Amino acid sequence: MVHKQETISSRFFDYLYRLGSTVNAVIGLICCGLLGALDVLTPPEYMFSFLYLFPISFTTWFAGKRGGLLASILCTAILTRYNYQANMLAAVWNNLSTLGIFCVVAVMVGKIHQLLDNERILSRTDALTGAMNLRAFTELVEYEILRLRRDYRPFSIAYFDIDNFKKVNDRYGHRKGDELLKSVVNCLREKIRRTDIIARLGGDEFTIFFPSTDHEAVKTVTLDLVKALDRLAKLNKWPTTISMGVVTCSDGACELDDLISTADKLMYDVKRAGKNGVEYAVYPRA
């Protein structure tokens, strides 16, 4: 029951995010106006000031800090318009205090939202290279595999590591090794499609998912990637090469764990044979 409620709420939040900041800002400002109308219709003994924090928080969360500050100004203007005070000095003080409180809440909500976004990004990406981590890669690729399986479409997975990476760390230091890893990911991003997914599995090991890519196509792509990485290494005078294993699922009906395990074994076959190469396999086997 709890899981079902979480699913419904997450879908509702996703729907609001898809509406865009402009639409959400309009919704938030309309809510401010409706609350102001309700404030007018109720007896003056009832205070509604704290209720304005809800549309302000909503607008900030879904439309950004600027939208929240705009909602804060609107709510303060509404309170100023409908809560008349004879003492001008007291009125100015009270209204500025109200505006200050509303703005502080908007800024705090915006900061919390930013921190949560950063945490969400960090939990799904490798902090050094910006590539996906294993958890995010697995979740996204498993979803993609289900979609491809439905249409019996092929896909491929490459698993590789950087030969002699330890030599770079030992010779030039870990800072240079970190630069190498970031350069490798940047090079790959320039070569692969936007629909391809790259992840760093740890250390100098990476994997790439190629949706709707058969054996012949992935062979062409991966050989080009290896050549590009070889040029990068020579340009920077790194003593590195690439050992890669590539597995193609020809009908989409393959399990991710099995393919990664097979690609990993193929990669180590390349290493045992002298490194600097690519081995391929196709599933299901004929």
C-alpha atoms as a PDB file:
ATOM      1  CA  MET A   1       0.000   0.000   0.000  1.00  0.00           C
ATOM      2  CA  VAL A   2       2.837   2.376   0.882  1.00  0.00           C
ATOM      3  CA  HIS A   3       4.645   1.516  -2.364  1.00  0.00           C
ATOM      4  CA  LYS A   4       1.466   2.207  -4.330  1.00  0.00           C
ATOM      5  CA  GLN A   5       1.064   5.606  -2.669  1.00  0.00           C
ATOM      6  CA  GLU A   6       4.703   6.452  -3.435  1.00  0.00           C
ATOM      7  CA  THR A   7       4.158   5.498  -7.080  1.00  0.00           C
ATOM      8  CA  ILE A   8       1.068   7.712  -7.364  1.00  0.00           C
ATOM      9  CA  SER A   9       2.821  10.670  -5.744  1.00  0.00           C
ATOM     10  CA  SER A  10       5.936  10.256  -7.894  1.00  0.00           C
ATOM     11  CA  ARG A  11       3.794  10.166 -11.036  1.00  0.00           C
ATOM     12  CA  PHE A  12       1.991  13.307  -9.907  1.00  0.00           C
ATOM     13  CA  PHE A  13       5.309  15.081  -9.303  1.00  0.00           C
ATOM     14  CA  ASP A  14       6.601  13.904 -12.685  1.00  0.00           C
ATOM     15  CA  TYR A  15       3.450  15.280 -14.304  1.00  0.00           C
ATOM     16  CA  LEU A  16       3.975  18.681 -12.678  1.00  0.00           C
ATOM     17  CA  TYR A  17       7.619  18.760 -13.781  1.00  0.00           C
ATOM     18  CA  ARG A  18       6.543  17.982 -17.351  1.00  0.00           C
ATOM     19  CA  LEU A  19       4.189  20.970 -17.317  1.00  0.00           C
ATOM     20  CA  GLY A  20       7.204  23.242 -17.175  1.00  0.00           C
ATOM     21  CA  SER A  21       8.170  26.145 -14.944  1.00  0.00           C
ATOM     22  CA  THR A  22       5.978  28.711 -16.704  1.00  0.00           C
ATOM     23  CA  VAL A  23       2.757  26.709 -16.297  1.00  0.00           C
ATOM     24  CA  ASN A  24       3.596  25.871 -12.679  1.00  0.00           C
ATOM     25  CA  ALA A  25       4.323  29.529 -11.966  1.00  0.00           C
ATOM     26  CA  VAL A  26       0.900  30.468 -13.337  1.00  0.00           C
ATOM     27  CA  ILE A  27      -0.738  27.746 -11.224  1.00  0.00           C
ATOM     28  CA  GLY A  28       1.074  28.970  -8.123  1.00  0.00           C
ATOM     29  CA  LEU A  29       0.123  32.601  -8.710  1.00  0.00           C
ATOM     30  CA  ILE A  30      -3.503  31.644  -9.324  1.00  0.00           C
ATOM     31  CA  CYS A  31      -3.473  29.772  -6.003  1.00  0.00           C
ATOM     32  CA  CYS A  32      -2.125  32.914  -4.339  1.00  0.00           C
ATOM     33  CA  GLY A  33      -5.015  34.910  -5.805  1.00  0.00           C
ATOM     34  CA  LEU A  34      -7.622  32.335  -4.738  1.00  0.00           C
ATOM     35  CA  LEU A  35      -6.206  32.271  -1.245  1.00  0.00           C
ATOM     36  CA  GLY A  36      -6.366  36.058  -1.174  1.00  0.00           C
ATOM     37  CA  ALA A  37     -10.026  35.943  -2.192  1.00  0.00           C
ATOM     38  CA  LEU A  38     -10.741  33.434   0.581  1.00  0.00           C
ATOM     39  CA  ASP A  39      -8.905  35.712   3.003  1.00  0.00           C
ATOM     40  CA  VAL A  40     -11.206  38.591   2.058  1.00  0.00           C
ATOM     41  CA  LEU A  41     -14.394  36.532   2.413  1.00  0.00           C
ATOM     42  CA  THR A  42     -13.579  35.302   5.924  1.00  0.00           C
ATOM     43  CA  PRO A  43     -13.968  37.428   9.073  1.00  0.00           C
ATOM     44  CA  PRO A  44     -10.895  39.545   9.955  1.00  0.00           C
ATOM     45  CA  GLU A  45     -10.443  37.611  13.202  1.00  0.00           C
ATOM     46  CA  TYR A  46      -9.075  34.677  11.191  1.00  0.00           C
ATOM     47  CA  MET A  47      -5.449  34.996  10.076  1.00  0.00           C
ATOM     48  CA  PHE A  48      -4.417  33.387   6.770  1.00  0.00           C
ATOM     49  CA  SER A  49      -0.840  34.645   6.573  1.00  0.00           C
ATOM     50  CA  PHE A  50       0.820  31.260   7.132  1.00  0.00           C
ATOM     51  CA  LEU A  51      -1.335  29.631   4.435  1.00  0.00           C
ATOM     52  CA  TYR A  52       0.352  31.782   1.786  1.00  0.00           C
ATOM     53  CA  LEU A  53       3.512  29.773   2.411  1.00  0.00           C
ATOM     54  CA  PHE A  54       1.972  26.808   0.579  1.00  0.00           C
ATOM     55  CA  PRO A  55       1.535  28.424  -2.872  1.00  0.00           C
ATOM     56  CA  ILE A  56       4.887  30.176  -2.403  1.00  0.00           C
ATOM     57  CA  SER A  57       6.584  26.851  -1.683  1.00  0.00           C
ATOM     58  CA  PHE A  58       4.790  25.153  -4.575  1.00  0.00           C
ATOM     59  CA  THR A  59       5.809  27.871  -7.020  1.00  0.00           C
ATOM     60  CA  THR A  60       9.413  27.813  -5.831  1.00  0.00           C
ATOM     61  CA  TRP A  61       9.669  24.020  -6.053  1.00  0.00           C
ATOM     62  CA  PHE A  62       8.153  23.607  -9.497  1.00  0.00           C
ATOM     63  CA  ALA A  63       8.906  26.980 -11.116  1.00  0.00           C
ATOM     64  CA  GLY A  64      12.219  27.975  -9.547  1.00  0.00           C
ATOM     65  CA  LYS A  65      13.425  30.568  -7.055  1.00  0.00           C
ATOM     66  CA  ARG A  66      12.423  33.531  -9.247  1.00  0.00           C
ATOM     67  CA  GLY A  67       8.876  32.229  -9.443  1.00  0.00           C
ATOM     68  CA  GLY A  68       8.836  31.791  -5.669  1.00  0.00           C
ATOM     69  CA  LEU A  69      10.036  35.344  -5.083  1.00  0.00           C
ATOM     70  CA  LEU A  70       7.387  36.640  -7.485  1.00  0.00           C
ATOM     71  CA  ALA A  71       4.749  34.675  -5.563  1.00  0.00           C
ATOM     72  CA  SER A  72       6.119  36.159  -2.323  1.00  0.00           C
ATOM     73  CA  ILE A  73       5.679  39.680  -3.666  1.00  0.00           C
ATOM     74  CA  LEU A  74       2.155  38.907  -4.912  1.00  0.00           C
ATOM     75  CA  CYS A  75       1.106  37.377  -1.593  1.00  0.00           C
ATOM     76  CA  THR A  76       2.486  40.367   0.304  1.00  0.00           C
ATOM     77  CA  ALA A  77       0.619  42.722  -2.045  1.00  0.00           C
ATOM     78  CA  ILE A  78      -2.591  40.782  -1.423  1.00  0.00           C
ATOM     79  CA  LEU A  79      -2.140  40.997   2.334  1.00  0.00           C
ATOM     80  CA  THR A  80      -1.353  44.716   2.030  1.00  0.00           C
ATOM     81  CA  ARG A  81      -4.465  45.317  -0.058  1.00  0.00           C
ATOM     82  CA  TYR A  82      -6.877  43.459   2.199  1.00  0.00           C
ATOM     83  CA  ASN A  83      -5.358  44.066   5.634  1.00  0.00           C
ATOM     84  CA  TYR A  84      -5.569  47.842   5.872  1.00  0.00           C
ATOM     85  CA  GLN A  85      -3.871  49.519   8.840  1.00  0.00           C
ATOM     86  CA  ALA A  86      -4.329  53.151   9.866  1.00  0.00           C
ATOM     87  CA  ASN A  87      -0.808  53.518  11.254  1.00  0.00           C
ATOM     88  CA  MET A  88       1.359  53.971   8.158  1.00  0.00           C
ATOM     89  CA  LEU A  89       4.667  53.178   9.904  1.00  0.00           C
ATOM     90  CA  ALA A  90       3.273  50.009  11.422  1.00  0.00           C
ATOM     91  CA  ALA A  91       1.790  49.010   8.073  1.00  0.00           C
ATOM     92  CA  VAL A  92       5.143  49.442   6.295  1.00  0.00           C
ATOM     93  CA  TRP A  93       6.955  47.482   9.000  1.00  0.00           C
ATOM     94  CA  ASN A  94       4.430  44.626   9.019  1.00  0.00           C
ATOM     95  CA  ASN A  95       4.347  44.356   5.236  1.00  0.00           C
ATOM     96  CA  LEU A  96       8.132  44.381   4.919  1.00  0.00           C
ATOM     97  CA  SER A  97       8.367  41.766   7.663  1.00  0.00           C
ATOM     98  CA  THR A  98       5.832  39.600   5.860  1.00  0.00           C
ATOM     99  CA  LEU A  99       7.654  40.005   2.556  1.00  0.00           C
ATOM    100  CA  GLY A 100      10.955  39.138   4.241  1.00  0.00           C
ATOM    101  CA  ILE A 101       9.522  35.953   5.764  1.00  0.00           C
ATOM    102  CA  PHE A 102       7.965  34.904   2.451  1.00  0.00           C
ATOM    103  CA  CYS A 103      11.218  35.551   0.564  1.00  0.00           C
ATOM    104  CA  VAL A 104      13.289  33.645   3.121  1.00  0.00           C
ATOM    105  CA  VAL A 105      10.956  30.657   2.792  1.00  0.00           C
ATOM    106  CA  ALA A 106      11.179  30.841  -1.014  1.00  0.00           C
ATOM    107  CA  VAL A 107      14.984  30.958  -0.912  1.00  0.00           C
ATOM    108  CA  MET A 108      15.147  28.054   1.573  1.00  0.00           C
ATOM    109  CA  VAL A 109      12.771  25.891  -0.465  1.00  0.00           C
ATOM    110  CA  GLY A 110      14.772  26.670  -3.608  1.00  0.00           C
ATOM    111  CA  LYS A 111      18.007  25.713  -1.856  1.00  0.00           C
ATOM    112  CA  ILE A 112      16.549  22.439  -0.584  1.00  0.00           C
ATOM    113  CA  HIS A 113      15.343  21.619  -4.090  1.00  0.00           C
ATOM    114  CA  GLN A 114      18.799  22.375  -5.498  1.00  0.00           C
ATOM    115  CA  LEU A 115      20.506  20.192  -2.880  1.00  0.00           C
ATOM    116  CA  LEU A 116      18.132  17.303  -3.597  1.00  0.00           C
ATOM    117  CA  ASP A 117      18.761  17.640  -7.336  1.00  0.00           C
ATOM    118  CA  ASN A 118      22.522  17.599  -6.753  1.00  0.00           C
ATOM    119  CA  GLU A 119      22.204  14.570  -4.496  1.00  0.00           C
ATOM    120  CA  ARG A 120      20.091  12.782  -7.099  1.00  0.00           C
ATOM    121  CA  ILE A 121      22.678  13.493  -9.784  1.00  0.00           C
ATOM    122  CA  LEU A 122      25.570  12.365  -7.587  1.00  0.00           C
ATOM    123  CA  SER A 123      23.750   9.151  -6.699  1.00  0.00           C
ATOM    124  CA  ARG A 124      23.462   8.260 -10.403  1.00  0.00           C
ATOM    125  CA  THR A 125      26.728   9.513 -11.865  1.00  0.00           C
ATOM    126  CA  ASP A 126      30.422   8.978 -11.368  1.00  0.00           C
ATOM    127  CA  ALA A 127      31.702  12.078  -9.595  1.00  0.00           C
ATOM    128  CA  LEU A 128      35.027  12.097 -11.458  1.00  0.00           C
ATOM    129  CA  THR A 129      34.044  11.520 -15.077  1.00  0.00           C
ATOM    130  CA  GLY A 130      30.358  12.414 -15.159  1.00  0.00           C
ATOM    131  CA  ALA A 131      29.505   9.038 -16.693  1.00  0.00           C
ATOM    132  CA  MET A 132      26.700   6.979 -15.179  1.00  0.00           C
ATOM    133  CA  ASN A 133      27.476   4.698 -12.277  1.00  0.00           C
ATOM    134  CA  LEU A 134      26.591   0.998 -12.267  1.00  0.00           C
ATOM    135  CA  ARG A 135      23.291   1.475 -10.437  1.00  0.00           C
ATOM    136  CA  ALA A 136      21.940   4.087 -12.827  1.00  0.00           C
ATOM    137  CA  PHE A 137      23.274   2.182 -15.838  1.00  0.00           C
ATOM    138  CA  THR A 138      21.558  -1.029 -14.751  1.00  0.00           C
ATOM    139  CA  GLU A 139      18.207   0.660 -14.119  1.00  0.00           C
ATOM    140  CA  LEU A 140      18.154   2.522 -17.423  1.00  0.00           C
ATOM    141  CA  VAL A 141      19.503  -0.307 -19.572  1.00  0.00           C
ATOM    142  CA  GLU A 142      17.129  -2.898 -18.121  1.00  0.00           C
ATOM    143  CA  TYR A 143      14.237  -0.616 -19.067  1.00  0.00           C
ATOM    144  CA  GLU A 144      15.656  -0.157 -22.568  1.00  0.00           C
ATOM    145  CA  ILE A 145      16.103  -3.920 -22.967  1.00  0.00           C
ATOM    146  CA  LEU A 146      12.429  -4.500 -22.144  1.00  0.00           C
ATOM    147  CA  ARG A 147      11.454  -1.982 -24.806  1.00  0.00           C
ATOM    148  CA  LEU A 148      13.768  -3.559 -27.413  1.00  0.00           C
ATOM    149  CA  ARG A 149      12.656  -7.076 -26.507  1.00  0.00           C
ATOM    150  CA  ARG A 150       9.070  -6.183 -27.271  1.00  0.00           C
ATOM    151  CA  ASP A 151      10.017  -5.372 -30.884  1.00  0.00           C
ATOM    152  CA  TYR A 152      12.673  -8.134 -31.224  1.00  0.00           C
ATOM    153  CA  ARG A 153      15.320  -5.516 -31.888  1.00  0.00           C
ATOM    154  CA  PRO A 154      19.041  -6.130 -31.333  1.00  0.00           C
ATOM    155  CA  PHE A 155      21.344  -4.340 -28.951  1.00  0.00           C
ATOM    156  CA  SER A 156      25.002  -4.568 -27.980  1.00  0.00           C
ATOM    157  CA  ILE A 157      27.107  -4.064 -24.871  1.00  0.00           C
ATOM    158  CA  ALA A 158      30.804  -3.234 -24.786  1.00  0.00           C
ATOM    159  CA  TYR A 159      32.957  -3.797 -21.700  1.00  0.00           C
ATOM    160  CA  PHE A 160      36.492  -2.433 -21.635  1.00  0.00           C
ATOM    161  CA  ASP A 161      39.295  -1.221 -19.440  1.00  0.00           C
ATOM    162  CA  ILE A 162      42.416   0.848 -19.986  1.00  0.00           C
ATOM    163  CA  ASP A 163      45.580  -1.225 -20.348  1.00  0.00           C
ATOM    164  CA  ASN A 164      48.578  -0.052 -18.303  1.00  0.00           C
ATOM    165  CA  PHE A 165      46.505   2.507 -16.439  1.00  0.00           C
ATOM    166  CA  LYS A 166      48.530   1.813 -13.297  1.00  0.00           C
ATOM    167  CA  LYS A 167      51.671   2.910 -15.123  1.00  0.00           C
ATOM    168  CA  VAL A 168      50.142   6.357 -15.678  1.00  0.00           C
ATOM    169  CA  ASN A 169      49.350   6.693 -11.966  1.00  0.00           C
ATOM    170  CA  ASP A 170      52.802   5.461 -10.951  1.00  0.00           C
ATOM    171  CA  ARG A 171      54.679   7.581 -13.478  1.00  0.00           C
ATOM    172  CA  TYR A 172      52.684  10.823 -13.463  1.00  0.00           C
ATOM    173  CA  GLY A 173      50.592  10.625 -10.287  1.00  0.00           C
ATOM    174  CA  HIS A 174      46.904  10.039  -9.594  1.00  0.00           C
ATOM    175  CA  ARG A 175      45.949  13.512 -10.734  1.00  0.00           C
ATOM    176  CA  LYS A 176      47.146  12.705 -14.238  1.00  0.00           C
ATOM    177  CA  GLY A 177      45.329   9.370 -14.030  1.00  0.00           C
ATOM    178  CA  ASP A 178      42.111  11.204 -13.189  1.00  0.00           C
ATOM    179  CA  GLU A 179      42.617  13.494 -16.185  1.00  0.00           C
ATOM    180  CA  LEU A 180      43.072  10.424 -18.370  1.00  0.00           C
ATOM    181  CA  LEU A 181      39.769   8.907 -17.196  1.00  0.00           C
ATOM    182  CA  LYS A 182      37.901  12.170 -17.799  1.00  0.00           C
ATOM    183  CA  SER A 183      39.485  12.521 -21.237  1.00  0.00           C
ATOM    184  CA  VAL A 184      38.442   8.982 -22.157  1.00  0.00           C
ATOM    185  CA  VAL A 185      34.803   9.659 -21.254  1.00  0.00           C
ATOM    186  CA  ASN A 186      34.797  12.983 -23.117  1.00  0.00           C
ATOM    187  CA  CYS A 187      36.287  11.294 -26.185  1.00  0.00           C
ATOM    188  CA  LEU A 188      33.653   8.561 -26.110  1.00  0.00           C
ATOM    189  CA  ARG A 189      30.820  11.062 -25.764  1.00  0.00           C
ATOM    190  CA  GLU A 190      31.971  12.826 -28.905  1.00  0.00           C
ATOM    191  CA  LYS A 191      31.879   9.556 -30.854  1.00  0.00           C
ATOM    192  CA  ILE A 192      28.811   7.700 -29.622  1.00  0.00           C
ATOM    193  CA  ARG A 193      25.163   8.537 -30.278  1.00  0.00           C
ATOM    194  CA  ARG A 194      23.036  10.409 -27.750  1.00  0.00           C
ATOM    195  CA  THR A 195      20.974   7.252 -27.298  1.00  0.00           C
ATOM    196  CA  ASP A 196      24.047   5.194 -26.331  1.00  0.00           C
ATOM    197  CA  ILE A 197      24.769   4.922 -22.610  1.00  0.00           C
ATOM    198  CA  ILE A 198      28.216   4.950 -21.047  1.00  0.00           C
ATOM    199  CA  ALA A 199      28.992   4.043 -17.427  1.00  0.00           C
ATOM    200  CA  ARG A 200      32.094   3.812 -15.300  1.00  0.00           C
ATOM    201  CA  LEU A 201      32.008   0.600 -13.285  1.00  0.00           C
ATOM    202  CA  GLY A 202      34.969   1.502 -11.098  1.00  0.00           C
ATOM    203  CA  GLY A 203      38.675   2.074 -11.504  1.00  0.00           C
ATOM    204  CA  ASP A 204      39.489   2.071 -15.207  1.00  0.00           C
ATOM    205  CA  GLU A 205      36.611  -0.195 -16.275  1.00  0.00           C
ATOM    206  CA  PHE A 206      33.755   1.089 -18.427  1.00  0.00           C
ATOM    207  CA  THR A 207      30.742  -0.246 -20.260  1.00  0.00           C
ATOM    208  CA  ILE A 208      28.666   1.116 -23.152  1.00  0.00           C
ATOM    209  CA  PHE A 209      25.146   0.132 -24.151  1.00  0.00           C
ATOM    210  CA  PHE A 210      24.273   0.402 -27.843  1.00  0.00           C
ATOM    211  CA  PRO A 211      20.485   0.126 -28.416  1.00  0.00           C
ATOM    212  CA  SER A 212      19.193  -1.088 -31.798  1.00  0.00           C
ATOM    213  CA  THR A 213      22.733  -2.023 -32.842  1.00  0.00           C
ATOM    214  CA  ASP A 214      23.504  -5.399 -34.432  1.00  0.00           C
ATOM    215  CA  HIS A 215      26.820  -7.224 -34.654  1.00  0.00           C
ATOM    216  CA  GLU A 216      28.068  -5.573 -37.842  1.00  0.00           C
ATOM    217  CA  ALA A 217      27.108  -2.084 -36.727  1.00  0.00           C
ATOM    218  CA  VAL A 218      28.660  -2.400 -33.273  1.00  0.00           C
ATOM    219  CA  LYS A 219      31.837  -3.812 -34.782  1.00  0.00           C
ATOM    220  CA  THR A 220      32.242  -0.702 -36.913  1.00  0.00           C
ATOM    221  CA  VAL A 221      31.458   1.620 -34.002  1.00  0.00           C
ATOM    222  CA  THR A 222      33.718  -0.031 -31.425  1.00  0.00           C
ATOM    223  CA  LEU A 223      36.692  -0.251 -33.785  1.00  0.00           C
ATOM    224  CA  ASP A 224      36.315   3.490 -34.418  1.00  0.00           C
ATOM    225  CA  LEU A 225      36.152   4.102 -30.657  1.00  0.00           C
ATOM    226  CA  VAL A 226      39.321   2.115 -30.041  1.00  0.00           C
ATOM    227  CA  LYS A 227      41.114   4.052 -32.773  1.00  0.00           C
ATOM    228  CA  ALA A 228      39.943   7.368 -31.301  1.00  0.00           C
ATOM    229  CA  LEU A 229      41.142   6.378 -27.836  1.00  0.00           C
ATOM    230  CA  ASP A 230      44.455   5.211 -29.301  1.00  0.00           C
ATOM    231  CA  ARG A 231      44.926   8.626 -30.952  1.00  0.00           C
ATOM    232  CA  LEU A 232      44.081  10.288 -27.645  1.00  0.00           C
ATOM    233  CA  ALA A 233      46.700   8.219 -25.819  1.00  0.00           C
ATOM    234  CA  LYS A 234      49.391   8.980 -28.401  1.00  0.00           C
ATOM    235  CA  LEU A 235      48.545  12.679 -28.375  1.00  0.00           C
ATOM    236  CA  ASN A 236      49.021  12.808 -24.612  1.00  0.00           C
ATOM    237  CA  LYS A 237      51.927  10.322 -24.635  1.00  0.00           C
ATOM    238  CA  TRP A 238      50.088   7.902 -22.368  1.00  0.00           C
ATOM    239  CA  PRO A 239      51.400   4.294 -22.409  1.00  0.00           C
ATOM    240  CA  THR A 240      47.840   2.972 -22.635  1.00  0.00           C
ATOM    241  CA  THR A 241      45.708   0.865 -24.959  1.00  0.00           C
ATOM    242  CA  ILE A 242      42.195  -0.572 -24.787  1.00  0.00           C
ATOM    243  CA  SER A 243      41.076  -4.147 -24.165  1.00  0.00           C
ATOM    244  CA  MET A 244      37.391  -4.614 -25.008  1.00  0.00           C
ATOM    245  CA  GLY A 245      34.770  -7.333 -25.083  1.00  0.00           C
ATOM    246  CA  VAL A 246      31.566  -6.786 -27.062  1.00  0.00           C
ATOM    247  CA  VAL A 247      28.387  -8.872 -26.943  1.00  0.00           C
ATOM    248  CA  THR A 248      25.399  -8.483 -29.261  1.00  0.00           C
ATOM    249  CA  CYS A 249      21.914  -9.724 -28.436  1.00  0.00           C
ATOM    250  CA  SER A 250      20.383 -10.363 -31.836  1.00  0.00           C
ATOM    251  CA  ASP A 251      16.711 -10.620 -30.807  1.00  0.00           C
ATOM    252  CA  GLY A 252      16.515  -8.538 -27.621  1.00  0.00           C
ATOM    253  CA  ALA A 253      15.737 -11.623 -25.505  1.00  0.00           C
ATOM    254  CA  CYS A 254      18.883 -11.571 -23.334  1.00  0.00           C
ATOM    255  CA  GLU A 255      19.569 -10.795 -19.696  1.00  0.00           C
ATOM    256  CA  LEU A 256      21.783  -7.838 -18.873  1.00  0.00           C
ATOM    257  CA  ASP A 257      23.830  -9.613 -16.188  1.00  0.00           C
ATOM    258  CA  ASP A 258      24.644 -12.506 -18.522  1.00  0.00           C
ATOM    259  CA  LEU A 259      25.765 -10.156 -21.295  1.00  0.00           C
ATOM    260  CA  ILE A 260      27.964  -8.057 -19.023  1.00  0.00           C
ATOM    261  CA  SER A 261      29.532 -11.217 -17.606  1.00  0.00           C
ATOM    262  CA  THR A 262      30.236 -12.518 -21.116  1.00  0.00           C
ATOM    263  CA  ALA A 263      31.643  -9.181 -22.273  1.00  0.00           C
ATOM    264  CA  ASP A 264      33.861  -9.122 -19.178  1.00  0.00           C
ATOM    265  CA  LYS A 265      35.222 -12.595 -20.003  1.00  0.00           C
ATOM    266  CA  LEU A 266      35.878 -11.546 -23.594  1.00  0.00           C
ATOM    267  CA  MET A 267      37.790  -8.521 -22.354  1.00  0.00           C
ATOM    268  CA  TYR A 268      40.027 -10.695 -20.179  1.00  0.00           C
ATOM    269  CA  ASP A 269      40.593 -13.019 -23.128  1.00  0.00           C
ATOM    270  CA  VAL A 270      41.990  -9.997 -24.957  1.00  0.00           C
ATOM    271  CA  LYS A 271      44.241  -9.192 -22.016  1.00  0.00           C
ATOM    272  CA  ARG A 272      45.562 -12.734 -21.829  1.00  0.00           C
ATOM    273  CA  ALA A 273      46.277 -12.613 -25.555  1.00  0.00           C
ATOM    274  CA  GLY A 274      48.471  -9.522 -25.142  1.00  0.00           C
ATOM    275  CA  LYS A 275      46.008  -6.632 -24.639  1.00  0.00           C
ATOM    276  CA  ASN A 276      45.070  -3.904 -27.129  1.00  0.00           C
ATOM    277  CA  GLY A 277      42.231  -5.579 -29.002  1.00  0.00           C
ATOM    278  CA  VAL A 278      38.518  -6.354 -29.241  1.00  0.00           C
ATOM    279  CA  GLU A 279      36.678  -9.687 -29.002  1.00  0.00           C
ATOM    280  CA  TYR A 280      33.062 -10.162 -30.166  1.00  0.00           C
ATOM    281  CA  ALA A 281      30.230 -12.583 -29.451  1.00  0.00           C
ATOM    282  CA  VAL A 282      26.608 -12.863 -30.560  1.00  0.00           C
ATOM    283  CA  TYR A 283      23.637 -14.209 -28.548  1.00  0.00           C
ATOM    284  CA  PRO A 284      21.760 -16.405 -28.884  1.00  0.00           C
ATOM    285  CA  ARG A 285      24.454 -18.565 -30.341  1.00  0.00           C
ATOM    286  CA  ALA A 286      23.586 -20.374 -33.588  1.00  0.00           C
END
